[in-house]
Each structure stands twice: as structure tokens, then as C-alpha cells.
């Protein structure tokens, strides 16, 4: 198992690699679609500008975008005293700056961290989590999120989440351009090569969201185990995280603000009761996480 310093270095490298790969992928797909369906170059230009803009925005403003998508609001010390003090105390023990604190007004217990580095980090919890967990369990959840912050998981997963959302927008734009009359060039690509590219373009449009989801799944699952272990190292109380995960996963309330793009950020899968979404869950099974934690008792 890699140590925390190796994990941080890997996450920094992967963040830059994913941004570069995403930009190149979007340009390639846009070129294939433009050529295969005789669209004018405006779609290709829009796609290139949009992908570059989204890559930069995901790095510098990804946290604000994620908070907006999840309808989060700043938490006040007076209203959420335990949340504030737990975060402050554990940040000191974690040797990281105290992150900004936000809440989502929802009865479903859950939490996530976002941002680009420990100096620009946010921890967000639902009001349901703050109401239903005791202080020991809350400490375990906050320690888990602080581990994501210290390990730079937040940068990697925030970038991935925003870029997946951007990819969905571009695919929708491409579909409209192809099937609802976007500008077309005069030349005809109805030769064998053009037909092959057309098929490739259609396949990419259909399967790109699934491929993106599988990439997100592969990236995030391993990080949950690492953050669980780091949280226990910080609090010295594995039972607190076991109890918290049990309560969160067994609660029937649904988090209405969650989306497939941001689901990987949460401490547990927010799509409860959705069998299709669960098949592509970005989180390992709760039973496996609890089993790993029980070995630390």
C-alpha cells in the first residue's frame, strides 16, 4: 500500500494528465463528428474552446461549481457549532488549514469534500447527517473528508466530476448538430471512409458517458479505502466510522441534489434504492469497507 506522500504525488500527476487527456479526447471526437457528418467547422471550434475553458474552470472554480450543483450554502458557527469545532480540531491534528464549511438542506445523511488543494478546500455535510450522527461519528466522517483533502483526492475527483458533466453537454450539443440540422459543408463524405467515421462518431456519442463513468468508478473506489484508513489513523476510533457508515447507508432518505457527475465525491453512494445507478457506483460496497475497518479494532 502506498504511503500518503506517494498518494499525493500520484494525485497531482493524474490531475494534470486527466485534464490533458480530456481536452485531447474532446478535440478528437469533435473532429470525427465534424468530418463524418459534414458539419461546418463551427462545431469543432466550439468544442475546442469549450473543452479548454472547462478544463481551466474545473481546476480553479470546480469547488464552486460542485457546491452550486448540490445547492450547498455556507454554514455558520452559531447554527452548526459541533460541525465547526470538530472540523477545526481535526484540521489541527491533520496539519491542514481549516477548510470552508458548507451544508446541504436535506434529511439524507451524507458529506463530501471538494477543492483544488488543502488551502482551497471545502467540507460539505447535509443537515440530515449533522442531526443523525453523534459527535464521535461526526468526527469519523470529517476525518474521512479531511483525509481526501490532505491526499489531494479532492482535486482529482472534482476535476473528473466537472469534466464528466462537460462531456455530457458536448455530447448533447453534438447530437443536436447532427440530427437537427447544424451547419453543413458542401463537400460530401458519403464514401467508405466517411461512413466508417460516421459509425465511430455515433458509437462515441452513445458510449462516451458510460466510458467516463467507468473511469470515474475506477479512480474513486480505491480512494475510499485509503481515506477510511487515514480517518482511523487520525481519530484512533474505527468504531466511530463503522457506526457512521452503517447509519448513513441504512437511512432511507434520498439526496435529491446528487447527480451522477458529483456522486463520487460523497462519503457513500447517494443513489439509494436506484439499482441501475448502484451497478455503476463509484464507491466500494459498504459491507467491504466495514469489514476492512473491523480489522483495525
Protein backbone atom coordinates (compact mmCIF):
# COMPACT_ATOMS: atom_id res chain seq x y z
CA UNK A 1 0.00 0.00 0.00
CA UNK A 2 1.37 3.43 -0.94
CA UNK A 3 2.04 5.99 1.77
CA UNK A 4 0.36 9.38 1.97
CA UNK A 5 3.20 11.23 0.24
CA UNK A 6 3.20 8.86 -2.72
CA UNK A 7 -0.58 9.18 -2.92
CA UNK A 8 -0.36 13.00 -3.00
CA UNK A 9 2.27 12.94 -5.77
CA UNK A 10 0.23 10.47 -7.83
CA UNK A 11 -2.95 12.50 -7.48
CA UNK A 12 -1.20 15.71 -8.62
CA UNK A 13 0.23 13.96 -11.68
CA UNK A 14 -3.08 12.28 -12.52
CA UNK A 15 -4.97 15.57 -12.26
CA UNK A 16 -2.81 17.17 -14.95
CA UNK A 17 -2.92 14.01 -17.07
CA UNK A 18 -6.73 13.80 -16.93
CA UNK A 19 -7.15 17.46 -17.95
CA UNK A 20 -4.80 16.95 -20.92
CA UNK A 21 -6.43 13.66 -21.90
CA UNK A 22 -9.92 15.11 -21.66
CA UNK A 23 -9.04 18.08 -23.88
CA UNK A 24 -7.43 15.81 -26.48
CA UNK A 25 -10.37 13.38 -26.37
CA UNK A 26 -12.93 16.15 -26.90
CA UNK A 27 -10.97 17.60 -29.85
CA UNK A 28 -10.68 14.13 -31.43
CA UNK A 29 -14.38 13.36 -31.01
CA UNK A 30 -15.36 16.80 -32.30
CA UNK A 31 -13.15 16.35 -35.36
CA UNK A 32 -14.60 12.91 -36.14
CA UNK A 33 -18.17 14.15 -35.77
CA UNK A 34 -17.49 17.27 -37.84
CA UNK A 35 -15.91 15.27 -40.66
CA UNK A 36 -18.27 12.29 -40.57
CA UNK A 37 -21.49 14.29 -40.65
CA UNK A 38 -20.36 17.12 -42.94
CA UNK A 39 -20.81 19.74 -40.23
CA UNK A 40 -19.13 23.09 -40.69
CA UNK A 41 -16.07 23.90 -38.60
CA UNK A 42 -18.06 25.94 -36.08
CA UNK A 43 -18.85 22.83 -34.02
CA UNK A 44 -15.17 21.85 -33.89
CA UNK A 45 -14.15 25.36 -32.84
CA UNK A 46 -16.88 25.49 -30.16
CA UNK A 47 -15.85 22.08 -28.82
CA UNK A 48 -12.17 23.05 -28.59
CA UNK A 49 -12.91 26.35 -26.84
CA UNK A 50 -15.43 24.70 -24.53
CA UNK A 51 -13.09 21.86 -23.53
CA UNK A 52 -10.17 24.20 -22.79
CA UNK A 53 -12.42 26.55 -20.83
CA UNK A 54 -13.96 23.66 -18.87
CA UNK A 55 -10.55 22.20 -18.03
CA UNK A 56 -9.38 25.53 -16.61
CA UNK A 57 -12.67 26.16 -14.83
CA UNK A 58 -12.65 22.69 -13.26
CA UNK A 59 -9.26 23.45 -11.70
CA UNK A 60 -9.86 26.98 -10.45
CA UNK A 61 -13.63 27.01 -9.87
CA UNK A 62 -14.53 23.34 -9.58
CA UNK A 63 -15.42 23.62 -5.90
CA UNK A 64 -17.86 26.49 -6.52
CA UNK A 65 -19.45 24.58 -9.41
CA UNK A 66 -19.85 21.44 -7.30
CA UNK A 67 -21.36 23.41 -4.40
CA UNK A 68 -23.75 25.12 -6.80
CA UNK A 69 -24.82 21.84 -8.40
CA UNK A 70 -25.57 20.41 -4.96
CA UNK A 71 -27.35 23.56 -3.72
CA UNK A 72 -24.99 23.93 -0.77
CA UNK A 73 -24.89 27.03 1.46
CA UNK A 74 -22.24 28.36 3.86
CA UNK A 75 -22.58 27.02 7.39
CA UNK A 76 -22.45 29.41 10.33
CA UNK A 77 -20.61 28.61 13.54
CA UNK A 78 -23.65 29.53 15.60
CA UNK A 79 -26.02 27.19 13.75
CA UNK A 80 -23.64 24.24 13.34
CA UNK A 81 -21.32 24.53 16.34
CA UNK A 82 -20.37 20.83 16.53
CA UNK A 83 -19.59 20.69 12.81
CA UNK A 84 -17.34 23.74 13.14
CA UNK A 85 -15.47 22.67 16.24
CA UNK A 86 -14.95 19.09 15.05
CA UNK A 87 -13.56 20.36 11.73
CA UNK A 88 -11.27 22.87 13.45
CA UNK A 89 -9.91 20.34 15.95
CA UNK A 90 -9.31 17.61 13.39
CA UNK A 91 -7.74 20.04 10.91
CA UNK A 92 -5.20 20.92 13.58
CA UNK A 93 -4.46 17.23 14.17
CA UNK A 94 -4.38 16.63 10.39
CA UNK A 95 -1.90 19.52 9.95
CA UNK A 96 -4.00 21.09 7.19
CA UNK A 97 -5.73 24.50 7.02
CA UNK A 98 -9.31 24.60 8.28
CA UNK A 99 -11.50 24.17 5.17
CA UNK A 100 -14.58 26.23 4.41
CA UNK A 101 -17.71 24.63 5.79
CA UNK A 102 -20.96 24.23 3.84
CA UNK A 103 -24.25 22.42 4.38
CA UNK A 104 -26.97 21.00 2.14
CA UNK A 105 -30.52 21.21 3.45
CA UNK A 106 -31.51 17.56 3.10
CA UNK A 107 -32.65 14.85 5.55
CA UNK A 108 -30.41 12.30 3.79
CA UNK A 109 -27.16 11.88 5.78
CA UNK A 110 -24.07 12.33 3.60
CA UNK A 111 -20.98 14.50 3.18
CA UNK A 112 -18.22 15.32 0.72
CA UNK A 113 -15.06 17.39 0.31
CA UNK A 114 -14.07 19.42 -2.73
CA UNK A 115 -11.48 21.99 -3.83
CA UNK A 116 -8.13 22.04 -5.60
CA UNK A 117 -5.74 21.79 -2.62
CA UNK A 118 -5.76 21.99 1.20
CA UNK A 119 -5.56 25.80 1.05
CA UNK A 120 -8.72 25.97 -1.12
CA UNK A 121 -10.79 23.14 0.32
CA UNK A 122 -14.41 22.75 1.36
CA UNK A 123 -16.17 20.21 3.53
CA UNK A 124 -19.91 19.95 2.98
CA UNK A 125 -22.39 17.91 5.03
CA UNK A 126 -26.13 17.50 4.81
CA UNK A 127 -28.28 18.74 7.67
CA UNK A 128 -29.52 15.15 7.97
CA UNK A 129 -26.01 13.93 8.73
CA UNK A 130 -25.48 16.64 11.36
CA UNK A 131 -28.78 15.77 13.03
CA UNK A 132 -28.49 11.96 12.97
CA UNK A 133 -24.85 11.34 13.88
CA UNK A 134 -23.37 11.73 17.35
CA UNK A 135 -20.13 13.65 17.83
CA UNK A 136 -17.87 10.58 17.60
CA UNK A 137 -19.49 9.53 14.33
CA UNK A 138 -19.31 13.10 13.01
CA UNK A 139 -15.59 13.18 13.85
CA UNK A 140 -15.11 9.99 11.82
CA UNK A 141 -16.89 11.44 8.78
CA UNK A 142 -14.99 14.74 8.95
CA UNK A 143 -11.70 12.86 9.39
CA UNK A 144 -12.53 10.84 6.26
CA UNK A 145 -13.12 14.05 4.27
CA UNK A 146 -10.00 15.72 5.69
CA UNK A 147 -8.04 12.69 4.51
CA UNK A 148 -9.34 13.27 0.99
CA UNK A 149 -8.19 16.89 1.32
CA UNK A 150 -4.71 16.04 2.58
CA UNK A 151 -4.24 13.34 -0.08
CA UNK A 152 -5.29 15.75 -2.88
CA UNK A 153 -8.14 13.38 -3.79
CA UNK A 154 -10.36 16.47 -3.86
CA UNK A 155 -8.51 18.00 -6.80
CA UNK A 156 -8.59 14.81 -8.84
CA UNK A 157 -12.23 13.92 -8.16
CA UNK A 158 -13.53 17.49 -8.53
CA UNK A 159 -11.83 17.82 -11.92
CA UNK A 160 -13.19 14.44 -13.04
CA UNK A 161 -16.71 15.33 -11.87
CA UNK A 162 -16.81 18.67 -13.70
CA UNK A 163 -15.28 17.27 -16.89
CA UNK A 164 -17.80 14.42 -16.98
CA UNK A 165 -20.57 16.98 -16.73
CA UNK A 166 -18.93 18.97 -19.54
CA UNK A 167 -18.69 15.86 -21.69
CA UNK A 168 -22.43 15.31 -21.31
CA UNK A 169 -23.10 18.87 -22.52
CA UNK A 170 -20.83 18.42 -25.54
CA UNK A 171 -22.46 15.12 -26.46
CA UNK A 172 -25.88 16.73 -26.30
CA UNK A 173 -24.61 19.58 -28.49
CA UNK A 174 -23.16 17.11 -31.00
CA UNK A 175 -26.42 15.16 -31.13
CA UNK A 176 -28.40 18.29 -31.90
CA UNK A 177 -25.91 19.37 -34.54
CA UNK A 178 -26.13 16.02 -36.31
CA UNK A 179 -29.81 15.28 -36.11
CA UNK A 180 -31.41 18.69 -36.04
CA UNK A 181 -29.72 20.44 -38.90
CA UNK A 182 -26.49 22.10 -37.77
CA UNK A 183 -24.45 23.87 -40.45
CA UNK A 184 -23.04 21.58 -43.11
CA UNK A 185 -20.15 21.78 -45.54
CA UNK A 186 -20.68 21.48 -49.26
CA UNK A 187 -18.35 18.53 -49.72
CA UNK A 188 -19.77 15.03 -49.48
CA UNK A 189 -18.26 12.41 -47.19
CA UNK A 190 -20.52 9.56 -48.24
CA UNK A 191 -17.55 7.42 -49.20
CA UNK A 192 -16.36 4.36 -47.35
CA UNK A 193 -14.08 6.35 -45.05
CA UNK A 194 -16.83 8.85 -44.28
CA UNK A 195 -19.27 6.06 -43.42
CA UNK A 196 -16.75 4.46 -41.06
CA UNK A 197 -16.14 7.80 -39.33
CA UNK A 198 -19.89 8.33 -39.06
CA UNK A 199 -20.26 4.99 -37.30
CA UNK A 200 -17.36 5.83 -34.99
CA UNK A 201 -18.97 9.20 -34.20
CA UNK A 202 -22.29 7.59 -33.31
CA UNK A 203 -20.60 4.93 -31.15
CA UNK A 204 -18.65 7.63 -29.27
CA UNK A 205 -21.82 9.63 -28.64
CA UNK A 206 -23.61 6.57 -27.28
CA UNK A 207 -20.83 5.09 -25.19
CA UNK A 208 -18.75 8.11 -24.09
CA UNK A 209 -20.88 8.72 -20.94
CA UNK A 210 -20.56 5.06 -19.95
CA UNK A 211 -16.80 5.09 -20.54
CA UNK A 212 -16.48 8.28 -18.48
CA UNK A 213 -18.49 6.71 -15.66
CA UNK A 214 -16.30 3.60 -15.63
CA UNK A 215 -13.18 5.76 -15.50
CA UNK A 216 -14.66 7.69 -12.58
CA UNK A 217 -15.53 4.42 -10.84
CA UNK A 218 -12.01 3.06 -11.21
CA UNK A 219 -10.44 6.28 -9.94
CA UNK A 220 -12.60 6.76 -6.86
CA UNK A 221 -13.18 3.30 -5.34
CA UNK A 222 -9.60 2.75 -4.22
CA UNK A 223 -9.51 6.21 -2.66
CA UNK A 224 -12.40 5.45 -0.32
CA UNK A 225 -10.48 2.61 1.34
CA UNK A 226 -7.41 4.82 1.67
CA UNK A 227 -9.47 7.68 3.18
CA UNK A 228 -11.16 5.28 5.62
CA UNK A 229 -7.78 4.03 6.84
CA UNK A 230 -6.43 7.59 7.09
CA UNK A 231 -9.51 8.67 9.07
CA UNK A 232 -8.98 5.91 11.61
CA UNK A 233 -5.32 6.90 11.90
CA UNK A 234 -6.47 10.46 12.65
CA UNK A 235 -9.24 9.69 15.16
CA UNK A 236 -7.96 6.38 16.57
CA UNK A 237 -11.60 5.21 16.63
CA UNK A 238 -12.51 2.75 13.86
CA UNK A 239 -15.84 2.01 15.56
CA UNK A 240 -16.91 5.63 15.06
CA UNK A 241 -16.53 5.34 11.27
CA UNK A 242 -18.17 1.89 11.26
CA UNK A 243 -21.21 3.30 13.07
CA UNK A 244 -21.32 6.38 10.82
CA UNK A 245 -21.18 4.34 7.60
CA UNK A 246 -23.85 2.00 8.93
CA UNK A 247 -26.20 4.87 9.78
CA UNK A 248 -25.62 6.70 6.50
CA UNK A 249 -26.07 3.63 4.30
CA UNK A 250 -29.16 2.35 6.12
CA UNK A 251 -31.01 5.66 6.19
CA UNK A 252 -33.93 5.59 3.69
CA UNK A 253 -33.85 9.33 2.87
CA UNK A 254 -32.79 10.25 -0.67
CA UNK A 255 -30.41 13.06 -1.53
CA UNK A 256 -32.32 14.87 -4.27
CA UNK A 257 -29.48 17.27 -5.16
CA UNK A 258 -26.99 14.50 -6.01
CA UNK A 259 -26.06 13.90 -9.65
CA UNK A 260 -24.08 11.22 -11.47
CA UNK A 261 -21.30 13.75 -12.10
CA UNK A 262 -20.76 14.53 -8.40
CA UNK A 263 -21.77 11.21 -6.79
CA UNK A 264 -18.15 10.07 -6.43
CA UNK A 265 -17.40 12.96 -4.07
CA UNK A 266 -19.76 11.76 -1.33
CA UNK A 267 -18.67 9.50 1.52
CA UNK A 268 -21.27 6.90 0.44
CA UNK A 269 -23.27 6.34 -2.73
CA UNK A 270 -26.09 8.93 -2.68
CA UNK A 271 -28.31 6.94 -5.06
CA UNK A 272 -30.09 4.70 -2.58
CA UNK A 273 -32.68 2.36 -3.99
CA UNK A 274 -31.63 3.02 -7.60
CA UNK A 275 -30.45 -0.39 -8.83
CA UNK A 276 -29.14 0.88 -12.16
CA UNK A 277 -27.11 3.66 -10.53
CA UNK A 278 -25.82 1.21 -7.92
CA UNK A 279 -24.38 -1.03 -10.64
CA UNK A 280 -22.03 1.79 -11.58
CA UNK A 281 -21.47 3.07 -8.06
CA UNK A 282 -18.23 4.96 -7.60
CA UNK A 283 -18.00 3.58 -4.06
CA UNK A 284 -16.98 0.12 -2.87
CA UNK A 285 -19.73 -1.82 -1.05
CA UNK A 286 -20.34 -0.59 2.50
CA UNK A 287 -20.01 -4.17 3.76
CA UNK A 288 -16.47 -4.38 2.37
CA UNK A 289 -15.49 -1.03 3.86
CA UNK A 290 -16.86 -2.02 7.27
CA UNK A 291 -15.09 -5.38 7.09
CA UNK A 292 -11.78 -3.59 6.44
CA UNK A 293 -12.43 -1.22 9.35
CA UNK A 294 -13.29 -4.08 11.71
CA UNK A 295 -9.83 -5.49 11.14
CA UNK A 296 -8.46 -2.29 12.72
CA UNK A 297 -10.36 -2.75 16.01
